[in-house]
């Protein structure tokens, strides 16, 4: 698999273009380069099949709208996954509890157990 071709495809699939790329780099933003420099770096071939991971796990493509592409891996198979920009809802329910006291896996289940299970 060519990482540059894969990345361009993922950018397009996320409904962005390379003009929308803010930077390519590490998820913690300590390392980063603009798209014009990233094309040369990403133009490599790697084995995206099962085995061992070959591309840095913290590599991201960050977009100007706050969304980004992140690397995913399962048993050595690798791909890009799109994370849309986080936008909170207009209204939210208040909550008081954050500690799990029974089998529940979400903030809503902990604070509103009956409402969460009625669906």
N, C-alpha and C. Protein backbone atom coordinates (compact mmCIF):
# COMPACT_ATOMS: atom_id res chain seq x y z
N UNK A 1 0.85 -1.18 0.00
CA UNK A 1 0.00 0.00 0.00
C UNK A 1 0.89 1.23 0.00
N UNK A 2 0.53 2.22 -0.79
CA UNK A 2 1.24 3.50 -0.79
C UNK A 2 0.53 4.42 0.20
N UNK A 3 1.24 4.89 1.20
CA UNK A 3 0.64 5.71 2.26
C UNK A 3 0.10 7.02 1.72
N UNK A 4 0.77 7.65 0.77
CA UNK A 4 0.29 8.91 0.21
C UNK A 4 -1.04 8.70 -0.51
N UNK A 5 -1.12 7.67 -1.35
CA UNK A 5 -2.37 7.38 -2.06
C UNK A 5 -3.50 7.06 -1.07
N UNK A 6 -3.18 6.26 -0.06
CA UNK A 6 -4.17 5.91 0.96
C UNK A 6 -4.65 7.16 1.69
N UNK A 7 -3.73 8.05 2.02
CA UNK A 7 -4.05 9.27 2.75
C UNK A 7 -4.92 10.20 1.90
N UNK A 8 -4.56 10.37 0.64
CA UNK A 8 -5.38 11.21 -0.24
C UNK A 8 -6.79 10.65 -0.37
N UNK A 9 -6.91 9.33 -0.46
CA UNK A 9 -8.23 8.70 -0.54
C UNK A 9 -9.03 8.93 0.73
N UNK A 10 -8.38 8.83 1.89
CA UNK A 10 -9.06 9.05 3.17
C UNK A 10 -9.48 10.50 3.33
N UNK A 11 -8.64 11.43 2.86
CA UNK A 11 -8.98 12.86 2.91
C UNK A 11 -10.22 13.10 2.06
N UNK A 12 -10.25 12.57 0.87
CA UNK A 12 -11.40 12.72 -0.01
C UNK A 12 -12.66 12.08 0.58
N UNK A 13 -12.50 10.89 1.15
CA UNK A 13 -13.64 10.18 1.73
C UNK A 13 -14.22 10.94 2.94
N UNK A 14 -13.37 11.72 3.63
CA UNK A 14 -13.84 12.50 4.76
C UNK A 14 -14.49 13.81 4.31
N UNK A 15 -14.61 13.98 3.00
CA UNK A 15 -15.20 15.17 2.39
C UNK A 15 -14.35 16.41 2.63
N UNK A 16 -13.03 16.23 2.61
CA UNK A 16 -12.07 17.32 2.70
C UNK A 16 -11.19 17.27 1.45
N UNK A 17 -10.36 18.28 1.31
CA UNK A 17 -9.33 18.27 0.27
C UNK A 17 -8.00 18.56 0.95
N UNK A 18 -6.92 18.41 0.20
CA UNK A 18 -5.61 18.70 0.79
C UNK A 18 -5.48 20.17 1.17
N UNK A 19 -6.29 21.04 0.58
CA UNK A 19 -6.30 22.46 0.98
C UNK A 19 -6.84 22.64 2.39
N UNK A 20 -7.61 21.66 2.89
CA UNK A 20 -8.19 21.72 4.23
C UNK A 20 -7.25 21.20 5.32
N UNK A 21 -6.09 20.68 4.94
CA UNK A 21 -5.17 20.10 5.91
C UNK A 21 -4.44 21.22 6.66
N UNK A 22 -4.56 21.21 7.98
CA UNK A 22 -3.85 22.18 8.83
C UNK A 22 -2.42 21.72 9.05
N UNK A 23 -2.24 20.42 9.36
CA UNK A 23 -0.90 19.85 9.47
C UNK A 23 -1.00 18.33 9.44
N UNK A 24 0.12 17.69 9.18
CA UNK A 24 0.28 16.25 9.30
C UNK A 24 1.36 16.06 10.36
N UNK A 25 1.08 15.23 11.34
CA UNK A 25 2.07 15.06 12.41
C UNK A 25 1.59 14.15 13.50
N UNK A 26 2.06 14.43 14.71
CA UNK A 26 1.70 13.59 15.86
C UNK A 26 0.41 14.09 16.49
N UNK A 27 -0.30 13.15 17.08
CA UNK A 27 -1.60 13.48 17.68
C UNK A 27 -1.47 14.52 18.79
N UNK A 28 -0.34 14.50 19.51
CA UNK A 28 -0.14 15.48 20.59
C UNK A 28 0.31 16.85 20.06
N UNK A 29 0.44 16.97 18.74
CA UNK A 29 0.79 18.20 18.04
C UNK A 29 2.22 18.68 18.29
N UNK A 30 3.07 17.84 18.90
CA UNK A 30 4.46 18.24 19.12
C UNK A 30 5.27 18.20 17.83
N UNK A 31 4.87 17.35 16.89
CA UNK A 31 5.52 17.26 15.58
C UNK A 31 4.49 17.56 14.51
N UNK A 32 4.85 18.35 13.51
CA UNK A 32 3.90 18.65 12.45
C UNK A 32 4.55 19.34 11.27
N UNK A 33 4.02 19.04 10.09
CA UNK A 33 4.47 19.68 8.86
C UNK A 33 3.25 20.00 8.01
N UNK A 34 3.35 21.01 7.15
CA UNK A 34 2.23 21.33 6.26
C UNK A 34 2.08 20.25 5.19
N UNK A 35 0.92 20.23 4.55
CA UNK A 35 0.66 19.22 3.53
C UNK A 35 1.72 19.23 2.43
N UNK A 36 2.20 20.41 2.03
CA UNK A 36 3.17 20.49 0.94
C UNK A 36 4.45 19.70 1.26
N UNK A 37 4.84 19.65 2.50
CA UNK A 37 6.00 18.87 2.91
C UNK A 37 5.62 17.41 3.19
N UNK A 38 4.40 17.18 3.64
CA UNK A 38 3.96 15.84 4.01
C UNK A 38 3.87 14.91 2.81
N UNK A 39 3.55 15.44 1.65
CA UNK A 39 3.43 14.58 0.47
C UNK A 39 4.70 13.78 0.23
N UNK A 40 5.85 14.40 0.38
CA UNK A 40 7.13 13.70 0.18
C UNK A 40 7.34 12.62 1.25
N UNK A 41 7.00 12.95 2.48
CA UNK A 41 7.19 12.03 3.60
C UNK A 41 6.25 10.83 3.50
N UNK A 42 5.01 11.08 3.07
CA UNK A 42 4.01 10.02 3.01
C UNK A 42 4.14 9.14 1.77
N UNK A 43 4.93 9.53 0.83
CA UNK A 43 5.05 8.77 -0.42
C UNK A 43 5.97 7.55 -0.22
N UNK A 44 5.47 6.61 0.58
CA UNK A 44 6.19 5.36 0.87
C UNK A 44 5.24 4.19 0.72
N UNK A 45 5.79 3.04 0.45
CA UNK A 45 5.01 1.81 0.39
C UNK A 45 5.17 1.05 1.69
N UNK A 46 4.08 0.43 2.15
CA UNK A 46 4.13 -0.39 3.35
C UNK A 46 3.14 -1.53 3.20
N UNK A 47 3.27 -2.54 4.05
CA UNK A 47 2.38 -3.69 4.04
C UNK A 47 1.24 -3.41 5.00
N UNK A 48 0.04 -3.14 4.46
CA UNK A 48 -1.12 -2.82 5.30
C UNK A 48 -1.88 -4.06 5.74
N UNK A 49 -1.35 -5.23 5.44
CA UNK A 49 -2.01 -6.48 5.82
C UNK A 49 -1.64 -6.89 7.23
N UNK A 50 -2.09 -8.07 7.59
CA UNK A 50 -1.83 -8.58 8.94
C UNK A 50 -0.35 -8.84 9.14
N UNK A 51 0.09 -8.71 10.37
CA UNK A 51 1.49 -8.86 10.72
C UNK A 51 1.83 -7.86 11.79
N UNK A 52 2.80 -7.00 11.53
CA UNK A 52 3.14 -5.97 12.52
C UNK A 52 2.85 -4.59 11.93
N UNK A 53 2.52 -3.65 12.81
CA UNK A 53 2.22 -2.28 12.39
C UNK A 53 3.49 -1.62 11.87
N UNK A 54 3.38 -0.91 10.75
CA UNK A 54 4.55 -0.27 10.14
C UNK A 54 4.51 1.25 10.19
N UNK A 55 3.33 1.84 10.31
CA UNK A 55 3.18 3.30 10.31
C UNK A 55 2.96 3.76 11.76
N UNK A 56 3.56 4.89 12.13
CA UNK A 56 3.45 5.41 13.49
C UNK A 56 1.99 5.50 13.93
N UNK A 57 1.69 4.95 15.09
CA UNK A 57 0.31 4.88 15.59
C UNK A 57 -0.27 6.25 15.91
N UNK A 58 0.59 7.24 16.21
CA UNK A 58 0.08 8.57 16.59
C UNK A 58 0.04 9.55 15.42
N UNK A 59 0.26 9.05 14.20
CA UNK A 59 0.22 9.92 13.02
C UNK A 59 -1.21 10.38 12.77
N UNK A 60 -1.38 11.68 12.54
CA UNK A 60 -2.69 12.24 12.23
C UNK A 60 -2.58 13.22 11.06
N UNK A 61 -3.71 13.42 10.40
CA UNK A 61 -3.88 14.49 9.43
C UNK A 61 -4.96 15.38 10.03
N UNK A 62 -4.58 16.57 10.47
CA UNK A 62 -5.51 17.49 11.13
C UNK A 62 -6.06 18.48 10.11
N UNK A 63 -7.38 18.68 10.16
CA UNK A 63 -8.05 19.60 9.24
C UNK A 63 -8.35 20.94 9.91
N UNK A 64 -8.51 21.96 9.11
CA UNK A 64 -8.77 23.31 9.63
C UNK A 64 -10.10 23.41 10.36
N UNK A 65 -11.05 22.50 10.09
CA UNK A 65 -12.35 22.55 10.78
C UNK A 65 -12.35 21.82 12.11
N UNK A 66 -11.20 21.26 12.52
CA UNK A 66 -11.11 20.56 13.80
C UNK A 66 -11.24 19.04 13.69
N UNK A 67 -11.65 18.53 12.53
CA UNK A 67 -11.68 17.09 12.33
C UNK A 67 -10.28 16.58 12.04
N UNK A 68 -10.10 15.27 12.08
CA UNK A 68 -8.79 14.71 11.77
C UNK A 68 -8.89 13.25 11.38
N UNK A 69 -7.86 12.79 10.70
CA UNK A 69 -7.70 11.38 10.40
C UNK A 69 -6.71 10.81 11.40
N UNK A 70 -7.02 9.65 11.97
CA UNK A 70 -6.12 8.98 12.90
C UNK A 70 -5.86 7.57 12.41
N UNK A 71 -4.73 7.03 12.77
CA UNK A 71 -4.37 5.67 12.37
C UNK A 71 -5.08 4.67 13.28
N UNK A 72 -5.57 3.61 12.65
CA UNK A 72 -6.15 2.48 13.38
C UNK A 72 -5.39 1.24 12.96
N UNK A 73 -5.38 0.26 13.82
CA UNK A 73 -4.64 -0.97 13.56
C UNK A 73 -5.33 -2.12 14.26
N UNK A 74 -5.38 -3.26 13.59
CA UNK A 74 -5.85 -4.49 14.21
C UNK A 74 -4.95 -5.62 13.72
N UNK A 75 -4.22 -6.20 14.64
CA UNK A 75 -3.36 -7.34 14.32
C UNK A 75 -2.40 -7.05 13.15
N UNK A 76 -1.94 -5.80 13.10
CA UNK A 76 -1.01 -5.41 12.04
C UNK A 76 -1.66 -4.80 10.81
N UNK A 77 -2.96 -5.01 10.62
CA UNK A 77 -3.67 -4.39 9.50
C UNK A 77 -3.91 -2.93 9.87
N UNK A 78 -3.61 -2.00 8.95
CA UNK A 78 -3.66 -0.57 9.27
C UNK A 78 -4.54 0.21 8.30
N UNK A 79 -5.11 1.29 8.78
CA UNK A 79 -5.94 2.15 7.95
C UNK A 79 -6.16 3.49 8.64
N UNK A 80 -6.72 4.46 7.89
CA UNK A 80 -7.11 5.77 8.44
C UNK A 80 -8.55 5.69 8.92
N UNK A 81 -8.84 6.39 10.00
CA UNK A 81 -10.20 6.52 10.53
C UNK A 81 -10.46 8.01 10.73
N UNK A 82 -11.62 8.49 10.28
CA UNK A 82 -11.95 9.92 10.37
C UNK A 82 -12.66 10.23 11.68
N UNK A 83 -12.21 11.28 12.35
CA UNK A 83 -12.86 11.81 13.55
C UNK A 83 -13.40 13.19 13.20
N UNK A 84 -14.72 13.36 13.19
CA UNK A 84 -15.27 14.69 12.88
C UNK A 84 -14.99 15.68 14.01
N UNK A 85 -15.10 16.97 13.74
CA UNK A 85 -14.89 17.97 14.79
C UNK A 85 -15.91 17.76 15.92
N UNK A 86 -15.46 17.94 17.14
CA UNK A 86 -16.37 17.81 18.28
C UNK A 86 -17.18 19.09 18.40
N UNK A 87 -18.47 18.91 18.39
CA UNK A 87 -19.39 20.04 18.59
C UNK A 87 -20.43 19.60 19.60
N UNK A 88 -20.46 20.29 20.72
CA UNK A 88 -21.43 19.96 21.76
C UNK A 88 -22.83 20.34 21.33
N UNK A 89 -23.84 19.65 21.87
CA UNK A 89 -25.22 19.98 21.54
C UNK A 89 -25.65 21.31 22.16
N UNK A 90 -26.74 21.84 21.66
CA UNK A 90 -27.26 23.10 22.17
C UNK A 90 -27.72 22.98 23.63
N UNK A 91 -28.36 21.86 23.95
CA UNK A 91 -28.82 21.63 25.33
C UNK A 91 -28.25 20.32 25.84
N UNK A 92 -27.99 20.30 27.13
CA UNK A 92 -27.43 19.11 27.76
C UNK A 92 -28.10 18.87 29.10
N UNK A 93 -28.19 17.60 29.52
CA UNK A 93 -28.71 17.26 30.84
C UNK A 93 -27.58 17.42 31.85
N UNK A 94 -27.91 17.87 33.05
CA UNK A 94 -26.88 17.94 34.09
C UNK A 94 -26.56 16.54 34.62
N UNK A 95 -25.41 16.39 35.27
CA UNK A 95 -25.08 15.12 35.90
C UNK A 95 -24.31 15.37 37.18
N UNK A 96 -24.36 14.38 38.09
CA UNK A 96 -23.68 14.50 39.38
C UNK A 96 -22.72 13.35 39.64
N UNK A 97 -22.87 12.25 38.91
CA UNK A 97 -22.08 11.06 39.18
C UNK A 97 -21.14 10.73 38.02
N UNK A 98 -19.94 10.28 38.35
CA UNK A 98 -18.99 9.86 37.33
C UNK A 98 -18.40 8.48 37.61
N UNK A 99 -18.61 7.98 38.84
CA UNK A 99 -18.03 6.68 39.23
C UNK A 99 -19.02 5.56 38.96
N UNK A 100 -18.54 4.48 38.36
CA UNK A 100 -19.37 3.31 38.09
C UNK A 100 -19.72 2.62 39.40
N UNK A 101 -21.00 2.46 39.67
CA UNK A 101 -21.43 1.77 40.90
C UNK A 101 -22.15 0.47 40.59
N UNK A 102 -22.39 0.20 39.35
CA UNK A 102 -23.04 -1.02 38.87
C UNK A 102 -22.68 -1.17 37.40
N UNK A 103 -23.03 -2.27 36.77
CA UNK A 103 -22.65 -2.43 35.36
C UNK A 103 -23.26 -1.34 34.47
N UNK A 104 -22.47 -0.33 34.20
CA UNK A 104 -22.88 0.76 33.31
C UNK A 104 -21.60 1.25 32.64
N UNK A 105 -21.70 1.66 31.41
CA UNK A 105 -20.48 2.08 30.73
C UNK A 105 -20.53 3.49 30.17
N UNK A 106 -21.53 4.25 30.53
CA UNK A 106 -21.58 5.62 30.04
C UNK A 106 -22.04 6.56 31.14
N UNK A 107 -21.71 7.82 30.98
CA UNK A 107 -22.14 8.86 31.92
C UNK A 107 -23.65 8.90 32.03
N UNK A 108 -24.34 8.73 30.89
CA UNK A 108 -25.79 8.74 30.91
C UNK A 108 -26.36 7.55 31.67
N UNK A 109 -25.79 6.36 31.48
CA UNK A 109 -26.26 5.17 32.20
C UNK A 109 -26.10 5.33 33.71
N UNK A 110 -25.02 5.96 34.14
CA UNK A 110 -24.77 6.15 35.57
C UNK A 110 -25.78 7.13 36.17
N UNK A 111 -26.05 8.22 35.47
CA UNK A 111 -26.88 9.29 36.01
C UNK A 111 -28.36 9.15 35.71
N UNK A 112 -28.71 8.50 34.63
CA UNK A 112 -30.10 8.34 34.23
C UNK A 112 -30.36 6.88 33.84
N UNK A 113 -30.22 5.95 34.80
CA UNK A 113 -30.28 4.51 34.43
C UNK A 113 -31.61 4.09 33.81
N UNK A 114 -32.71 4.57 34.27
CA UNK A 114 -34.00 4.16 33.73
C UNK A 114 -34.21 4.71 32.33
N UNK A 115 -33.86 5.96 32.09
CA UNK A 115 -34.03 6.56 30.77
C UNK A 115 -33.13 5.89 29.74
N UNK A 116 -31.93 5.52 30.14
CA UNK A 116 -30.99 4.93 29.20
C UNK A 116 -31.40 3.53 28.77
N UNK A 117 -32.15 2.81 29.63
CA UNK A 117 -32.53 1.44 29.30
C UNK A 117 -33.94 1.34 28.73
N UNK A 118 -34.71 2.42 28.72
CA UNK A 118 -36.10 2.37 28.23
C UNK A 118 -36.19 2.22 26.73
N UNK A 119 -35.17 2.58 25.99
CA UNK A 119 -35.23 2.55 24.53
C UNK A 119 -35.33 1.18 24.04
